[in-house]
Every structure is written in structure tokens, then in C-alpha cells.
Amino acid sequence: PKLRLDLFDDVFTELKNQALQTALSSFGGCYSFRPQRSSNKLSAHSWGIAIDLNPESNQQGTEGNMNPALVEVFQQAGFQWGGDWHGTRKDPMHFQFCSDY
């Protein structure tokens, strides 16, 4: 988790620079050693390369209401957004620094 600390710091600095702090209402977690919800495979949270934001209004399987500008900041930093996934996997609270995982 310490190796990616700079990446998270850069993303949150950019969110501040773009005055997007109000787009963040809550923190749903980052590092958590656990399997994926629908698999025995370890979650990206197990590696400290995923973060959940605003979970109360962005539940898995829903469209959610994540601010598009916030999503763009994360994507420009190389994160995949769970809101782009399909069906019950759709997870608009989730951002991860890996793909096809």
C-alpha cells in the first residue's frame, strides 16, 4: 500500500485544485484484505490499489450519482472506474489502479 501512496496523494491534490472537495461526501474504504464479493479471488482492495467513495449513493449494481469531474480526475491518473462495468458488477463507488482484474 505504501508504494501507491503518492498516486492517491496526487489524485486528491488534483481534486482539491479543481475545487471538487464537495463531490466527496464519504469514504467507503481502501485497504481491506478480503476476497472479491463474487469470487474467491482477492479484491483489488487487498493490494491497497482500490478506493470506495460516496458509497451511500453509489451502491454496487446501480447507476449511482458520482460526479463526472471526479471520475475524470481518477481516470486521468490511470484508475479504472467501477461505474463503467456492466450488470451486477457495476460499482460506481469503486476506483481501482489496475485493469481486467
Protein backbone atom coordinates (compact mmCIF):
# COMPACT_ATOMS: atom_id res chain seq x y z
CA PRO A 1 0.00 0.00 0.00
CA LYS A 2 2.84 2.45 0.68
CA LEU A 3 4.09 2.24 -2.92
CA ARG A 4 0.89 3.83 -4.27
CA LEU A 5 0.55 6.47 -1.59
CA ASP A 6 1.98 9.10 -3.95
CA LEU A 7 -0.65 8.25 -6.55
CA PHE A 8 -3.53 8.76 -4.11
CA ASP A 9 -1.91 11.95 -2.85
CA ASP A 10 -1.67 13.27 -6.43
CA VAL A 11 -5.33 12.43 -7.16
CA PHE A 12 -6.62 14.11 -4.02
CA THR A 13 -4.40 17.15 -4.64
CA GLU A 14 -5.90 17.43 -8.14
CA LEU A 15 -9.43 17.11 -6.71
CA LYS A 16 -8.58 19.99 -4.38
CA ASN A 17 -7.04 22.02 -7.23
CA GLN A 18 -10.27 21.60 -9.21
CA ALA A 19 -12.38 22.52 -6.16
CA LEU A 20 -14.07 19.10 -6.16
CA GLN A 21 -13.91 18.51 -2.40
CA THR A 22 -17.70 18.89 -2.17
CA ALA A 23 -18.08 15.98 -4.62
CA LEU A 24 -16.78 13.74 -1.82
CA SER A 25 -19.36 13.08 0.87
CA SER A 26 -17.92 9.93 2.42
CA PHE A 27 -15.12 7.38 2.38
CA GLY A 28 -16.08 3.73 1.97
CA GLY A 29 -12.65 2.16 2.41
CA CYS A 30 -9.35 1.50 0.71
CA TYR A 31 -7.13 -1.29 2.05
CA SER A 32 -9.06 -4.36 3.15
CA PHE A 33 -7.64 -7.85 2.86
CA ARG A 34 -10.63 -9.78 1.52
CA PRO A 35 -11.91 -11.70 -1.49
CA GLN A 36 -13.99 -10.11 -4.22
CA ARG A 37 -17.70 -10.16 -3.43
CA SER A 38 -18.50 -12.76 -6.08
CA SER A 39 -15.27 -14.77 -6.15
CA ASN A 40 -12.52 -16.42 -4.16
CA LYS A 41 -10.03 -14.15 -5.95
CA LEU A 42 -8.55 -11.40 -3.76
CA SER A 43 -10.14 -7.97 -4.12
CA ALA A 44 -8.08 -5.07 -5.50
CA HIS A 45 -8.64 -3.60 -2.01
CA SER A 46 -6.36 -6.38 -0.70
CA TRP A 47 -3.45 -4.76 -2.53
CA GLY A 48 -4.25 -1.19 -1.44
CA ILE A 49 -4.93 -0.17 -5.06
CA ALA A 50 -8.67 0.45 -4.78
CA ILE A 51 -10.83 3.01 -3.02
CA ASP A 52 -14.58 3.34 -2.48
CA LEU A 53 -16.08 6.82 -2.32
CA ASN A 54 -19.62 8.05 -1.57
CA PRO A 55 -20.93 4.50 -1.01
CA GLU A 56 -24.28 5.66 0.37
CA SER A 57 -25.36 6.95 -3.05
CA ASN A 58 -23.28 4.70 -5.32
CA GLN A 59 -24.16 1.15 -4.36
CA GLN A 60 -22.98 -1.80 -6.43
CA GLY A 61 -25.40 -2.72 -9.21
CA THR A 62 -26.77 0.84 -9.53
CA GLU A 63 -26.03 3.81 -11.77
CA GLY A 64 -25.10 5.87 -8.71
CA ASN A 65 -24.53 9.60 -8.85
CA MET A 66 -20.75 10.00 -8.89
CA ASN A 67 -19.63 13.43 -10.08
CA PRO A 68 -18.26 13.04 -13.66
CA ALA A 69 -15.44 15.51 -12.99
CA LEU A 70 -14.28 13.41 -10.03
CA VAL A 71 -14.38 10.28 -12.19
CA GLU A 72 -12.30 12.06 -14.83
CA VAL A 73 -9.59 13.00 -12.32
CA PHE A 74 -9.26 9.38 -11.23
CA GLN A 75 -9.28 8.08 -14.81
CA GLN A 76 -6.63 10.57 -15.91
CA ALA A 77 -4.43 9.20 -13.11
CA GLY A 78 -4.84 5.66 -14.51
CA PHE A 79 -7.68 4.34 -12.35
CA GLN A 80 -10.49 2.16 -13.68
CA TRP A 81 -13.96 3.22 -12.53
CA GLY A 82 -16.43 0.57 -11.42
CA GLY A 83 -19.26 2.70 -12.81
CA ASP A 84 -18.12 1.67 -16.31
CA TRP A 85 -18.71 -2.01 -15.53
CA HIS A 86 -21.93 -3.77 -16.54
CA GLY A 87 -24.81 -5.54 -14.82
CA THR A 88 -24.50 -6.52 -11.19
CA ARG A 89 -20.73 -5.84 -11.36
CA LYS A 90 -21.40 -2.11 -11.92
CA ASP A 91 -19.87 -0.43 -8.87
CA PRO A 92 -19.94 3.38 -9.10
CA MET A 93 -18.31 3.89 -5.68
CA HIS A 94 -15.21 1.92 -6.75
CA PHE A 95 -11.94 3.13 -8.30
CA GLN A 96 -9.00 0.76 -8.81
CA PHE A 97 -5.47 1.17 -10.12
CA CYS A 98 -5.48 -1.99 -12.22
CA SER A 99 -7.48 -3.31 -15.15
CA ASP A 100 -9.11 -6.60 -16.08
CA TYR A 101 -8.86 -7.80 -12.50
